[in-house]
Amino acid sequence: SGRISSINTMAWHRQAPGKQRELVATI
């Protein structure tokens, strides 16, 4: 919600316990 440009990339990241955050998928 809010003002977001139509030119953007959406993504999902994940972080398991004790590990670095990982990029999972982008669109």
mmCIF file of all heavy atoms, coordinates in Angstrom:
data_MODEL
# 
_entry.id   MODEL 
# 
loop_
_atom_site.group_PDB 
_atom_site.id 
_atom_site.type_symbol 
_atom_site.label_atom_id 
_atom_site.label_alt_id 
_atom_site.label_comp_id 
_atom_site.label_asym_id 
_atom_site.label_entity_id 
_atom_site.label_seq_id 
_atom_site.pdbx_PDB_ins_code 
_atom_site.Cartn_x 
_atom_site.Cartn_y 
_atom_site.Cartn_z 
_atom_site.occupancy 
_atom_site.B_iso_or_equiv 
_atom_site.pdbx_formal_charge 
_atom_site.auth_seq_id 
_atom_site.auth_comp_id 
_atom_site.auth_asym_id 
_atom_site.auth_atom_id 
_atom_site.pdbx_PDB_model_num 
ATOM 1   N N   . SER A 1 1  ? 0.844  -1.191  0.000   1.00 0.00 ? 1  SER A N   1 
ATOM 2   C CA  . SER A 1 1  ? 0.000  0.000   0.000   1.00 0.00 ? 1  SER A CA  1 
ATOM 3   C C   . SER A 1 1  ? 0.879  1.240   0.000   1.00 0.00 ? 1  SER A C   1 
ATOM 4   O O   . SER A 1 1  ? 2.036  1.200   0.423   1.00 0.00 ? 1  SER A O   1 
ATOM 5   C CB  . SER A 1 1  ? -0.936 0.010   1.204   1.00 0.00 ? 1  SER A CB  1 
ATOM 6   O OG  . SER A 1 1  ? -0.207 0.030   2.421   1.00 0.00 ? 1  SER A OG  1 
ATOM 7   N N   . GLY A 1 2  ? 0.325  2.356   -0.462  1.00 0.00 ? 2  GLY A N   1 
ATOM 8   C CA  . GLY A 1 2  ? 1.075  3.595   -0.548  1.00 0.00 ? 2  GLY A CA  1 
ATOM 9   C C   . GLY A 1 2  ? 1.514  3.895   -1.967  1.00 0.00 ? 2  GLY A C   1 
ATOM 10  O O   . GLY A 1 2  ? 1.157  3.194   -2.911  1.00 0.00 ? 2  GLY A O   1 
ATOM 11  N N   . ARG A 1 3  ? 2.313  4.931   -2.112  1.00 0.00 ? 3  ARG A N   1 
ATOM 12  C CA  . ARG A 1 3  ? 2.775  5.388   -3.421  1.00 0.00 ? 3  ARG A CA  1 
ATOM 13  C C   . ARG A 1 3  ? 4.011  4.605   -3.838  1.00 0.00 ? 3  ARG A C   1 
ATOM 14  O O   . ARG A 1 3  ? 5.098  4.795   -3.289  1.00 0.00 ? 3  ARG A O   1 
ATOM 15  C CB  . ARG A 1 3  ? 3.084  6.878   -3.374  1.00 0.00 ? 3  ARG A CB  1 
ATOM 16  C CG  . ARG A 1 3  ? 1.871  7.758   -3.087  1.00 0.00 ? 3  ARG A CG  1 
ATOM 17  C CD  . ARG A 1 3  ? 0.945  7.786   -4.282  1.00 0.00 ? 3  ARG A CD  1 
ATOM 18  N NE  . ARG A 1 3  ? -0.170 8.700   -4.083  1.00 0.00 ? 3  ARG A NE  1 
ATOM 19  C CZ  . ARG A 1 3  ? -1.101 8.970   -4.989  1.00 0.00 ? 3  ARG A CZ  1 
ATOM 20  N NH1 . ARG A 1 3  ? -1.041 8.384   -6.181  1.00 0.00 ? 3  ARG A NH1 1 
ATOM 21  N NH2 . ARG A 1 3  ? -2.078 9.807   -4.709  1.00 0.00 ? 3  ARG A NH2 1 
ATOM 22  N N   . ILE A 1 4  ? 3.832  3.746   -4.828  1.00 0.00 ? 4  ILE A N   1 
ATOM 23  C CA  . ILE A 1 4  ? 4.921  2.932   -5.366  1.00 0.00 ? 4  ILE A CA  1 
ATOM 24  C C   . ILE A 1 4  ? 4.959  3.096   -6.871  1.00 0.00 ? 4  ILE A C   1 
ATOM 25  O O   . ILE A 1 4  ? 3.938  2.965   -7.547  1.00 0.00 ? 4  ILE A O   1 
ATOM 26  C CB  . ILE A 1 4  ? 4.744  1.452   -4.997  1.00 0.00 ? 4  ILE A CB  1 
ATOM 27  C CG1 . ILE A 1 4  ? 4.694  1.282   -3.480  1.00 0.00 ? 4  ILE A CG1 1 
ATOM 28  C CG2 . ILE A 1 4  ? 5.873  0.621   -5.592  1.00 0.00 ? 4  ILE A CG2 1 
ATOM 29  C CD1 . ILE A 1 4  ? 4.404  -0.132  -3.043  1.00 0.00 ? 4  ILE A CD1 1 
ATOM 30  N N   . SER A 1 5  ? 6.133  3.360   -7.402  1.00 0.00 ? 5  SER A N   1 
ATOM 31  C CA  . SER A 1 5  ? 6.310  3.493   -8.842  1.00 0.00 ? 5  SER A CA  1 
ATOM 32  C C   . SER A 1 5  ? 5.920  2.205   -9.551  1.00 0.00 ? 5  SER A C   1 
ATOM 33  O O   . SER A 1 5  ? 6.131  1.102   -9.030  1.00 0.00 ? 5  SER A O   1 
ATOM 34  C CB  . SER A 1 5  ? 7.759  3.851   -9.169  1.00 0.00 ? 5  SER A CB  1 
ATOM 35  O OG  . SER A 1 5  ? 7.999  3.785   -10.556 1.00 0.00 ? 5  SER A OG  1 
ATOM 36  N N   . SER A 1 6  ? 5.361  2.346   -10.754 1.00 0.00 ? 6  SER A N   1 
ATOM 37  C CA  . SER A 1 6  ? 5.010  1.176   -11.548 1.00 0.00 ? 6  SER A CA  1 
ATOM 38  C C   . SER A 1 6  ? 6.243  0.459   -12.089 1.00 0.00 ? 6  SER A C   1 
ATOM 39  O O   . SER A 1 6  ? 6.136  -0.688  -12.529 1.00 0.00 ? 6  SER A O   1 
ATOM 40  C CB  . SER A 1 6  ? 4.090  1.570   -12.702 1.00 0.00 ? 6  SER A CB  1 
ATOM 41  O OG  . SER A 1 6  ? 4.717  2.506   -13.562 1.00 0.00 ? 6  SER A OG  1 
ATOM 42  N N   . ILE A 1 7  ? 7.388  1.116   -12.061 1.00 0.00 ? 7  ILE A N   1 
ATOM 43  C CA  . ILE A 1 7  ? 8.647  0.511   -12.477 1.00 0.00 ? 7  ILE A CA  1 
ATOM 44  C C   . ILE A 1 7  ? 9.302  -0.077  -11.235 1.00 0.00 ? 7  ILE A C   1 
ATOM 45  O O   . ILE A 1 7  ? 9.941  0.634   -10.458 1.00 0.00 ? 7  ILE A O   1 
ATOM 46  C CB  . ILE A 1 7  ? 9.572  1.528   -13.156 1.00 0.00 ? 7  ILE A CB  1 
ATOM 47  C CG1 . ILE A 1 7  ? 8.869  2.194   -14.339 1.00 0.00 ? 7  ILE A CG1 1 
ATOM 48  C CG2 . ILE A 1 7  ? 10.866 0.853   -13.605 1.00 0.00 ? 7  ILE A CG2 1 
ATOM 49  C CD1 . ILE A 1 7  ? 9.660  3.312   -14.977 1.00 0.00 ? 7  ILE A CD1 1 
ATOM 50  N N   . ASN A 1 8  ? 9.150  -1.367  -11.054 1.00 0.00 ? 8  ASN A N   1 
ATOM 51  C CA  . ASN A 1 8  ? 9.659  -1.978  -9.834  1.00 0.00 ? 8  ASN A CA  1 
ATOM 52  C C   . ASN A 1 8  ? 9.903  -3.463  -10.016 1.00 0.00 ? 8  ASN A C   1 
ATOM 53  O O   . ASN A 1 8  ? 9.408  -4.082  -10.959 1.00 0.00 ? 8  ASN A O   1 
ATOM 54  C CB  . ASN A 1 8  ? 8.695  -1.743  -8.659  1.00 0.00 ? 8  ASN A CB  1 
ATOM 55  C CG  . ASN A 1 8  ? 7.350  -2.419  -8.856  1.00 0.00 ? 8  ASN A CG  1 
ATOM 56  O OD1 . ASN A 1 8  ? 7.252  -3.645  -8.773  1.00 0.00 ? 8  ASN A OD1 1 
ATOM 57  N ND2 . ASN A 1 8  ? 6.318  -1.629  -9.106  1.00 0.00 ? 8  ASN A ND2 1 
ATOM 58  N N   . THR A 1 9  ? 10.659 -4.001  -9.093  1.00 0.00 ? 9  THR A N   1 
ATOM 59  C CA  . THR A 1 9  ? 10.883 -5.435  -9.008  1.00 0.00 ? 9  THR A CA  1 
ATOM 60  C C   . THR A 1 9  ? 10.420 -5.913  -7.644  1.00 0.00 ? 9  THR A C   1 
ATOM 61  O O   . THR A 1 9  ? 10.802 -5.342  -6.619  1.00 0.00 ? 9  THR A O   1 
ATOM 62  C CB  . THR A 1 9  ? 12.366 -5.786  -9.214  1.00 0.00 ? 9  THR A CB  1 
ATOM 63  O OG1 . THR A 1 9  ? 12.765 -5.408  -10.533 1.00 0.00 ? 9  THR A OG1 1 
ATOM 64  C CG2 . THR A 1 9  ? 12.596 -7.277  -9.037  1.00 0.00 ? 9  THR A CG2 1 
ATOM 65  N N   . MET A 1 10 ? 9.586  -6.938  -7.631  1.00 0.00 ? 10 MET A N   1 
ATOM 66  C CA  . MET A 1 10 ? 9.143  -7.556  -6.401  1.00 0.00 ? 10 MET A CA  1 
ATOM 67  C C   . MET A 1 10 ? 9.913  -8.847  -6.178  1.00 0.00 ? 10 MET A C   1 
ATOM 68  O O   . MET A 1 10 ? 10.274 -9.528  -7.136  1.00 0.00 ? 10 MET A O   1 
ATOM 69  C CB  . MET A 1 10 ? 7.640  -7.841  -6.442  1.00 0.00 ? 10 MET A CB  1 
ATOM 70  C CG  . MET A 1 10 ? 6.775  -6.600  -6.504  1.00 0.00 ? 10 MET A CG  1 
ATOM 71  S SD  . MET A 1 10 ? 5.006  -7.014  -6.539  1.00 0.00 ? 10 MET A SD  1 
ATOM 72  C CE  . MET A 1 10 ? 4.276  -5.406  -6.208  1.00 0.00 ? 10 MET A CE  1 
ATOM 73  N N   . ALA A 1 11 ? 10.143 -9.177  -4.928  1.00 0.00 ? 11 ALA A N   1 
ATOM 74  C CA  . ALA A 1 11 ? 10.966 -10.340 -4.627  1.00 0.00 ? 11 ALA A CA  1 
ATOM 75  C C   . ALA A 1 11 ? 10.571 -10.968 -3.307  1.00 0.00 ? 11 ALA A C   1 
ATOM 76  O O   . ALA A 1 11 ? 9.928  -10.341 -2.460  1.00 0.00 ? 11 ALA A O   1 
ATOM 77  C CB  . ALA A 1 11 ? 12.444 -9.949  -4.587  1.00 0.00 ? 11 ALA A CB  1 
ATOM 78  N N   . TRP A 1 12 ? 10.967 -12.226 -3.160  1.00 0.00 ? 12 TRP A N   1 
ATOM 79  C CA  . TRP A 1 12 ? 10.869 -12.935 -1.897  1.00 0.00 ? 12 TRP A CA  1 
ATOM 80  C C   . TRP A 1 12 ? 12.264 -13.354 -1.458  1.00 0.00 ? 12 TRP A C   1 
ATOM 81  O O   . TRP A 1 12 ? 13.042 -13.884 -2.263  1.00 0.00 ? 12 TRP A O   1 
ATOM 82  C CB  . TRP A 1 12 ? 9.976  -14.174 -2.000  1.00 0.00 ? 12 TRP A CB  1 
ATOM 83  C CG  . TRP A 1 12 ? 8.524  -13.861 -2.135  1.00 0.00 ? 12 TRP A CG  1 
ATOM 84  C CD1 . TRP A 1 12 ? 7.801  -13.768 -3.285  1.00 0.00 ? 12 TRP A CD1 1 
ATOM 85  C CD2 . TRP A 1 12 ? 7.608  -13.610 -1.066  1.00 0.00 ? 12 TRP A CD2 1 
ATOM 86  N NE1 . TRP A 1 12 ? 6.488  -13.474 -3.008  1.00 0.00 ? 12 TRP A NE1 1 
ATOM 87  C CE2 . TRP A 1 12 ? 6.342  -13.366 -1.649  1.00 0.00 ? 12 TRP A CE2 1 
ATOM 88  C CE3 . TRP A 1 12 ? 7.727  -13.564 0.324   1.00 0.00 ? 12 TRP A CE3 1 
ATOM 89  C CZ2 . TRP A 1 12 ? 5.206  -13.084 -0.882  1.00 0.00 ? 12 TRP A CZ2 1 
ATOM 90  C CZ3 . TRP A 1 12 ? 6.606  -13.278 1.080   1.00 0.00 ? 12 TRP A CZ3 1 
ATOM 91  C CH2 . TRP A 1 12 ? 5.362  -13.035 0.472   1.00 0.00 ? 12 TRP A CH2 1 
ATOM 92  N N   . HIS A 1 13 ? 12.574 -13.103 -0.205  1.00 0.00 ? 13 HIS A N   1 
ATOM 93  C CA  . HIS A 1 13 ? 13.808 -13.550 0.429   1.00 0.00 ? 13 HIS A CA  1 
ATOM 94  C C   . HIS A 1 13 ? 13.445 -14.457 1.591   1.00 0.00 ? 13 HIS A C   1 
ATOM 95  O O   . HIS A 1 13 ? 12.312 -14.439 2.072   1.00 0.00 ? 13 HIS A O   1 
ATOM 96  C CB  . HIS A 1 13 ? 14.624 -12.367 0.952   1.00 0.00 ? 13 HIS A CB  1 
ATOM 97  C CG  . HIS A 1 13 ? 15.017 -11.366 -0.094  1.00 0.00 ? 13 HIS A CG  1 
ATOM 98  N ND1 . HIS A 1 13 ? 16.340 -11.162 -0.455  1.00 0.00 ? 13 HIS A ND1 1 
ATOM 99  C CD2 . HIS A 1 13 ? 14.291 -10.500 -0.836  1.00 0.00 ? 13 HIS A CD2 1 
ATOM 100 C CE1 . HIS A 1 13 ? 16.396 -10.214 -1.372  1.00 0.00 ? 13 HIS A CE1 1 
ATOM 101 N NE2 . HIS A 1 13 ? 15.158 -9.804  -1.628  1.00 0.00 ? 13 HIS A NE2 1 
ATOM 102 N N   . ARG A 1 14 ? 14.415 -15.233 2.064   1.00 0.00 ? 14 ARG A N   1 
ATOM 103 C CA  . ARG A 1 14 ? 14.189 -16.041 3.244   1.00 0.00 ? 14 ARG A CA  1 
ATOM 104 C C   . ARG A 1 14 ? 15.445 -16.103 4.087   1.00 0.00 ? 14 ARG A C   1 
ATOM 105 O O   . ARG A 1 14 ? 16.559 -15.970 3.582   1.00 0.00 ? 14 ARG A O   1 
ATOM 106 C CB  . ARG A 1 14 ? 13.721 -17.455 2.882   1.00 0.00 ? 14 ARG A CB  1 
ATOM 107 C CG  . ARG A 1 14 ? 14.756 -18.303 2.150   1.00 0.00 ? 14 ARG A CG  1 
ATOM 108 C CD  . ARG A 1 14 ? 14.142 -19.625 1.723   1.00 0.00 ? 14 ARG A CD  1 
ATOM 109 N NE  . ARG A 1 14 ? 15.102 -20.477 1.024   1.00 0.00 ? 14 ARG A NE  1 
ATOM 110 C CZ  . ARG A 1 14 ? 14.791 -21.637 0.466   1.00 0.00 ? 14 ARG A CZ  1 
ATOM 111 N NH1 . ARG A 1 14 ? 13.545 -22.103 0.516   1.00 0.00 ? 14 ARG A NH1 1 
ATOM 112 N NH2 . ARG A 1 14 ? 15.740 -22.347 -0.154  1.00 0.00 ? 14 ARG A NH2 1 
ATOM 113 N N   . GLN A 1 15 ? 15.247 -16.321 5.376   1.00 0.00 ? 15 GLN A N   1 
ATOM 114 C CA  . GLN A 1 15 ? 16.362 -16.416 6.302   1.00 0.00 ? 15 GLN A CA  1 
ATOM 115 C C   . GLN A 1 15 ? 16.086 -17.521 7.308   1.00 0.00 ? 15 GLN A C   1 
ATOM 116 O O   . GLN A 1 15 ? 15.135 -17.434 8.085   1.00 0.00 ? 15 GLN A O   1 
ATOM 117 C CB  . GLN A 1 15 ? 16.591 -15.091 7.024   1.00 0.00 ? 15 GLN A CB  1 
ATOM 118 C CG  . GLN A 1 15 ? 17.847 -15.065 7.874   1.00 0.00 ? 15 GLN A CG  1 
ATOM 119 C CD  . GLN A 1 15 ? 18.212 -13.668 8.327   1.00 0.00 ? 15 GLN A CD  1 
ATOM 120 O OE1 . GLN A 1 15 ? 17.369 -12.772 8.350   1.00 0.00 ? 15 GLN A OE1 1 
ATOM 121 N NE2 . GLN A 1 15 ? 19.471 -13.472 8.664   1.00 0.00 ? 15 GLN A NE2 1 
ATOM 122 N N   . ALA A 1 16 ? 16.915 -18.547 7.270   1.00 0.00 ? 16 ALA A N   1 
ATOM 123 C CA  . ALA A 1 16 ? 16.820 -19.645 8.214   1.00 0.00 ? 16 ALA A CA  1 
ATOM 124 C C   . ALA A 1 16 ? 17.626 -19.308 9.460   1.00 0.00 ? 16 ALA A C   1 
ATOM 125 O O   . ALA A 1 16 ? 18.550 -18.490 9.413   1.00 0.00 ? 16 ALA A O   1 
ATOM 126 C CB  . ALA A 1 16 ? 17.337 -20.934 7.577   1.00 0.00 ? 16 ALA A CB  1 
ATOM 127 N N   . PRO A 1 17 ? 17.307 -19.934 10.596  1.00 0.00 ? 17 PRO A N   1 
ATOM 128 C CA  . PRO A 1 17 ? 18.039 -19.657 11.832  1.00 0.00 ? 17 PRO A CA  1 
ATOM 129 C C   . PRO A 1 17 ? 19.542 -19.862 11.671  1.00 0.00 ? 17 PRO A C   1 
ATOM 130 O O   . PRO A 1 17 ? 19.987 -20.894 11.175  1.00 0.00 ? 17 PRO A O   1 
ATOM 131 C CB  . PRO A 1 17 ? 17.454 -20.661 12.824  1.00 0.00 ? 17 PRO A CB  1 
ATOM 132 C CG  . PRO A 1 17 ? 16.074 -20.926 12.310  1.00 0.00 ? 17 PRO A CG  1 
ATOM 133 C CD  . PRO A 1 17 ? 16.215 -20.900 10.810  1.00 0.00 ? 17 PRO A CD  1 
ATOM 134 N N   . GLY A 1 18 ? 20.321 -18.870 12.071  1.00 0.00 ? 18 GLY A N   1 
ATOM 135 C CA  . GLY A 1 18 ? 21.770 -18.960 12.012  1.00 0.00 ? 18 GLY A CA  1 
ATOM 136 C C   . GLY A 1 18 ? 22.370 -18.809 10.630  1.00 0.00 ? 18 GLY A C   1 
ATOM 137 O O   . GLY A 1 18 ? 23.578 -19.008 10.475  1.00 0.00 ? 18 GLY A O   1 
ATOM 138 N N   . LYS A 1 19 ? 21.564 -18.462 9.636   1.00 0.00 ? 19 LYS A N   1 
ATOM 139 C CA  . LYS A 1 19 ? 22.064 -18.328 8.280   1.00 0.00 ? 19 LYS A CA  1 
ATOM 140 C C   . LYS A 1 19 ? 21.777 -16.943 7.716   1.00 0.00 ? 19 LYS A C   1 
ATOM 141 O O   . LYS A 1 19 ? 20.950 -16.198 8.237   1.00 0.00 ? 19 LYS A O   1 
ATOM 142 C CB  . LYS A 1 19 ? 21.453 -19.390 7.374   1.00 0.00 ? 19 LYS A CB  1 
ATOM 143 C CG  . LYS A 1 19 ? 21.839 -20.813 7.742   1.00 0.00 ? 19 LYS A CG  1 
ATOM 144 C CD  . LYS A 1 19 ? 21.382 -21.803 6.694   1.00 0.00 ? 19 LYS A CD  1 
ATOM 145 C CE  . LYS A 1 19 ? 21.866 -23.197 7.018   1.00 0.00 ? 19 LYS A CE  1 
ATOM 146 N NZ  . LYS A 1 19 ? 21.460 -24.172 5.977   1.00 0.00 ? 19 LYS A NZ  1 
ATOM 147 N N   . GLN A 1 20 ? 22.475 -16.599 6.631   1.00 0.00 ? 20 GLN A N   1 
ATOM 148 C CA  . GLN A 1 20 ? 22.291 -15.319 5.971   1.00 0.00 ? 20 GLN A CA  1 
ATOM 149 C C   . GLN A 1 20 ? 20.990 -15.297 5.180   1.00 0.00 ? 20 GLN A C   1 
ATOM 150 O O   . GLN A 1 20 ? 20.483 -16.337 4.759   1.00 0.00 ? 20 GLN A O   1 
ATOM 151 C CB  . GLN A 1 20 ? 23.463 -15.022 5.039   1.00 0.00 ? 20 GLN A CB  1 
ATOM 152 C CG  . GLN A 1 20 ? 24.811 -14.926 5.730   1.00 0.00 ? 20 GLN A CG  1 
ATOM 153 C CD  . GLN A 1 20 ? 24.870 -13.764 6.687   1.00 0.00 ? 20 GLN A CD  1 
ATOM 154 O OE1 . GLN A 1 20 ? 24.438 -12.658 6.359   1.00 0.00 ? 20 GLN A OE1 1 
ATOM 155 N NE2 . GLN A 1 20 ? 25.407 -13.996 7.870   1.00 0.00 ? 20 GLN A NE2 1 
ATOM 156 N N   . ARG A 1 21 ? 20.457 -14.103 4.988   1.00 0.00 ? 21 ARG A N   1 
ATOM 157 C CA  . ARG A 1 21 ? 19.258 -13.956 4.183   1.00 0.00 ? 21 ARG A CA  1 
ATOM 158 C C   . ARG A 1 21 ? 19.566 -14.310 2.727   1.00 0.00 ? 21 ARG A C   1 
ATOM 159 O O   . ARG A 1 21 ? 20.597 -13.913 2.179   1.00 0.00 ? 21 ARG A O   1 
ATOM 160 C CB  . ARG A 1 21 ? 18.711 -12.535 4.292   1.00 0.00 ? 21 ARG A CB  1 
ATOM 161 C CG  . ARG A 1 21 ? 17.355 -12.349 3.640   1.00 0.00 ? 21 ARG A CG  1 
ATOM 162 C CD  . ARG A 1 21 ? 16.754 -10.997 3.986   1.00 0.00 ? 21 ARG A CD  1 
ATOM 163 N NE  . ARG A 1 21 ? 16.507 -10.860 5.420   1.00 0.00 ? 21 ARG A NE  1 
ATOM 164 C CZ  . ARG A 1 21 ? 15.874 -9.820  5.967   1.00 0.00 ? 21 ARG A CZ  1 
ATOM 165 N NH1 . ARG A 1 21 ? 15.428 -8.835  5.205   1.00 0.00 ? 21 ARG A NH1 1 
ATOM 166 N NH2 . ARG A 1 21 ? 15.701 -9.773  7.279   1.00 0.00 ? 21 ARG A NH2 1 
ATOM 167 N N   . GLU A 1 22 ? 18.653 -15.037 2.094   1.00 0.00 ? 22 GLU A N   1 
ATOM 168 C CA  . GLU A 1 22 ? 18.840 -15.567 0.758   1.00 0.00 ? 22 GLU A CA  1 
ATOM 169 C C   . GLU A 1 22 ? 17.742 -15.065 -0.172  1.00 0.00 ? 22 GLU A C   1 
ATOM 170 O O   . GLU A 1 22 ? 16.559 -15.100 0.179   1.00 0.00 ? 22 GLU A O   1 
ATOM 171 C CB  . GLU A 1 22 ? 18.826 -17.099 0.809   1.00 0.00 ? 22 GLU A CB  1 
ATOM 172 C CG  . GLU A 1 22 ? 18.862 -17.791 -0.547  1.00 0.00 ? 22 GLU A CG  1 
ATOM 173 C CD  . GLU A 1 22 ? 18.642 -19.287 -0.442  1.00 0.00 ? 22 GLU A CD  1 
ATOM 174 O OE1 . GLU A 1 22 ? 17.817 -19.714 0.405   1.00 0.00 ? 22 GLU A OE1 1 
ATOM 175 O OE2 . GLU A 1 22 ? 19.307 -20.034 -1.190  1.00 0.00 ? 22 GLU A OE2 1 
ATOM 176 N N   . LEU A 1 23 ? 18.125 -14.621 -1.360  1.00 0.00 ? 23 LEU A N   1 
ATOM 177 C CA  . LEU A 1 23 ? 17.152 -14.245 -2.374  1.00 0.00 ? 23 LEU A CA  1 
ATOM 178 C C   . LEU A 1 23 ? 16.549 -15.505 -2.983  1.00 0.00 ? 23 LEU A C   1 
ATOM 179 O O   . LEU A 1 23 ? 17.276 -16.363 -3.485  1.00 0.00 ? 23 LEU A O   1 
ATOM 180 C CB  . LEU A 1 23 ? 17.811 -13.395 -3.461  1.00 0.00 ? 23 LEU A CB  1 
ATOM 181 C CG  . LEU A 1 23 ? 16.936 -12.971 -4.635  1.00 0.00 ? 23 LEU A CG  1 
ATOM 182 C CD1 . LEU A 1 23 ? 15.781 -12.094 -4.153  1.00 0.00 ? 23 LEU A CD1 1 
ATOM 183 C CD2 . LEU A 1 23 ? 17.764 -12.232 -5.680  1.00 0.00 ? 23 LEU A CD2 1 
ATOM 184 N N   . VAL A 1 24 ? 15.227 -15.608 -2.955  1.00 0.00 ? 24 VAL A N   1 
ATOM 185 C CA  . VAL A 1 24 ? 14.539 -16.801 -3.421  1.00 0.00 ? 24 VAL A CA  1 
ATOM 186 C C   . VAL A 1 24 ? 13.998 -16.632 -4.833  1.00 0.00 ? 24 VAL A C   1 
ATOM 187 O O   . VAL A 1 24 ? 14.190 -17.498 -5.694  1.00 0.00 ? 24 VAL A O   1 
ATOM 188 C CB  . VAL A 1 24 ? 13.383 -17.181 -2.470  1.00 0.00 ? 24 VAL A CB  1 
ATOM 189 C CG1 . VAL A 1 24 ? 12.611 -18.387 -3.008  1.00 0.00 ? 24 VAL A CG1 1 
ATOM 190 C CG2 . VAL A 1 24 ? 13.925 -17.472 -1.076  1.00 0.00 ? 24 VAL A CG2 1 
ATOM 191 N N   . ALA A 1 25 ? 13.301 -15.529 -5.092  1.00 0.00 ? 25 ALA A N   1 
ATOM 192 C CA  . ALA A 1 25 ? 12.663 -15.323 -6.392  1.00 0.00 ? 25 ALA A CA  1 
ATOM 193 C C   . ALA A 1 25 ? 12.413 -13.848 -6.626  1.00 0.00 ? 25 ALA A C   1 
ATOM 194 O O   . ALA A 1 25 ? 12.189 -13.091 -5.676  1.00 0.00 ? 25 ALA A O   1 
ATOM 195 C CB  . ALA A 1 25 ? 11.351 -16.099 -6.489  1.00 0.00 ? 25 ALA A CB  1 
ATOM 196 N N   . THR A 1 26 ? 12.437 -13.435 -7.893  1.00 0.00 ? 26 THR A N   1 
ATOM 197 C CA  . THR A 1 26 ? 12.144 -12.054 -8.273  1.00 0.00 ? 26 THR A CA  1 
ATOM 198 C C   . THR A 1 26 ? 11.180 -12.032 -9.445  1.00 0.00 ? 26 THR A C   1 
ATOM 199 O O   . THR A 1 26 ? 11.114 -12.981 -10.235 1.00 0.00 ? 26 THR A O   1 
ATOM 200 C CB  . THR A 1 26 ? 13.409 -11.273 -8.674  1.00 0.00 ? 26 THR A CB  1 
ATOM 201 O OG1 . THR A 1 26 ? 13.989 -11.854 -9.847  1.00 0.00 ? 26 THR A OG1 1 
ATOM 202 C CG2 . THR A 1 26 ? 14.432 -11.277 -7.551  1.00 0.00 ? 26 THR A CG2 1 
ATOM 203 N N   . ILE A 1 27 ? 10.447 -10.934 -9.566  1.00 0.00 ? 27 ILE A N   1 
ATOM 204 C CA  . ILE A 1 27 ? 9.564  -10.724 -10.704 1.00 0.00 ? 27 ILE A CA  1 
ATOM 205 C C   . ILE A 1 27 ? 9.520  -9.236  -11.014 1.00 0.00 ? 27 ILE A C   1 
ATOM 206 O O   . ILE A 1 27 ? 9.326  -8.404  -10.124 1.00 0.00 ? 27 ILE A O   1 
ATOM 207 C CB  . ILE A 1 27 ? 8.155  -11.304 -10.449 1.00 0.00 ? 27 ILE A CB  1 
ATOM 208 C CG1 . ILE A 1 27 ? 7.271  -11.137 -11.689 1.00 0.00 ? 27 ILE A CG1 1 
ATOM 209 C CG2 . ILE A 1 27 ? 7.509  -10.670 -9.217  1.00 0.00 ? 27 ILE A CG2 1 
ATOM 210 C CD1 . ILE A 1 27 ? 5.987  -11.962 -11.621 1.00 0.00 ? 27 ILE A CD1 1 
# 
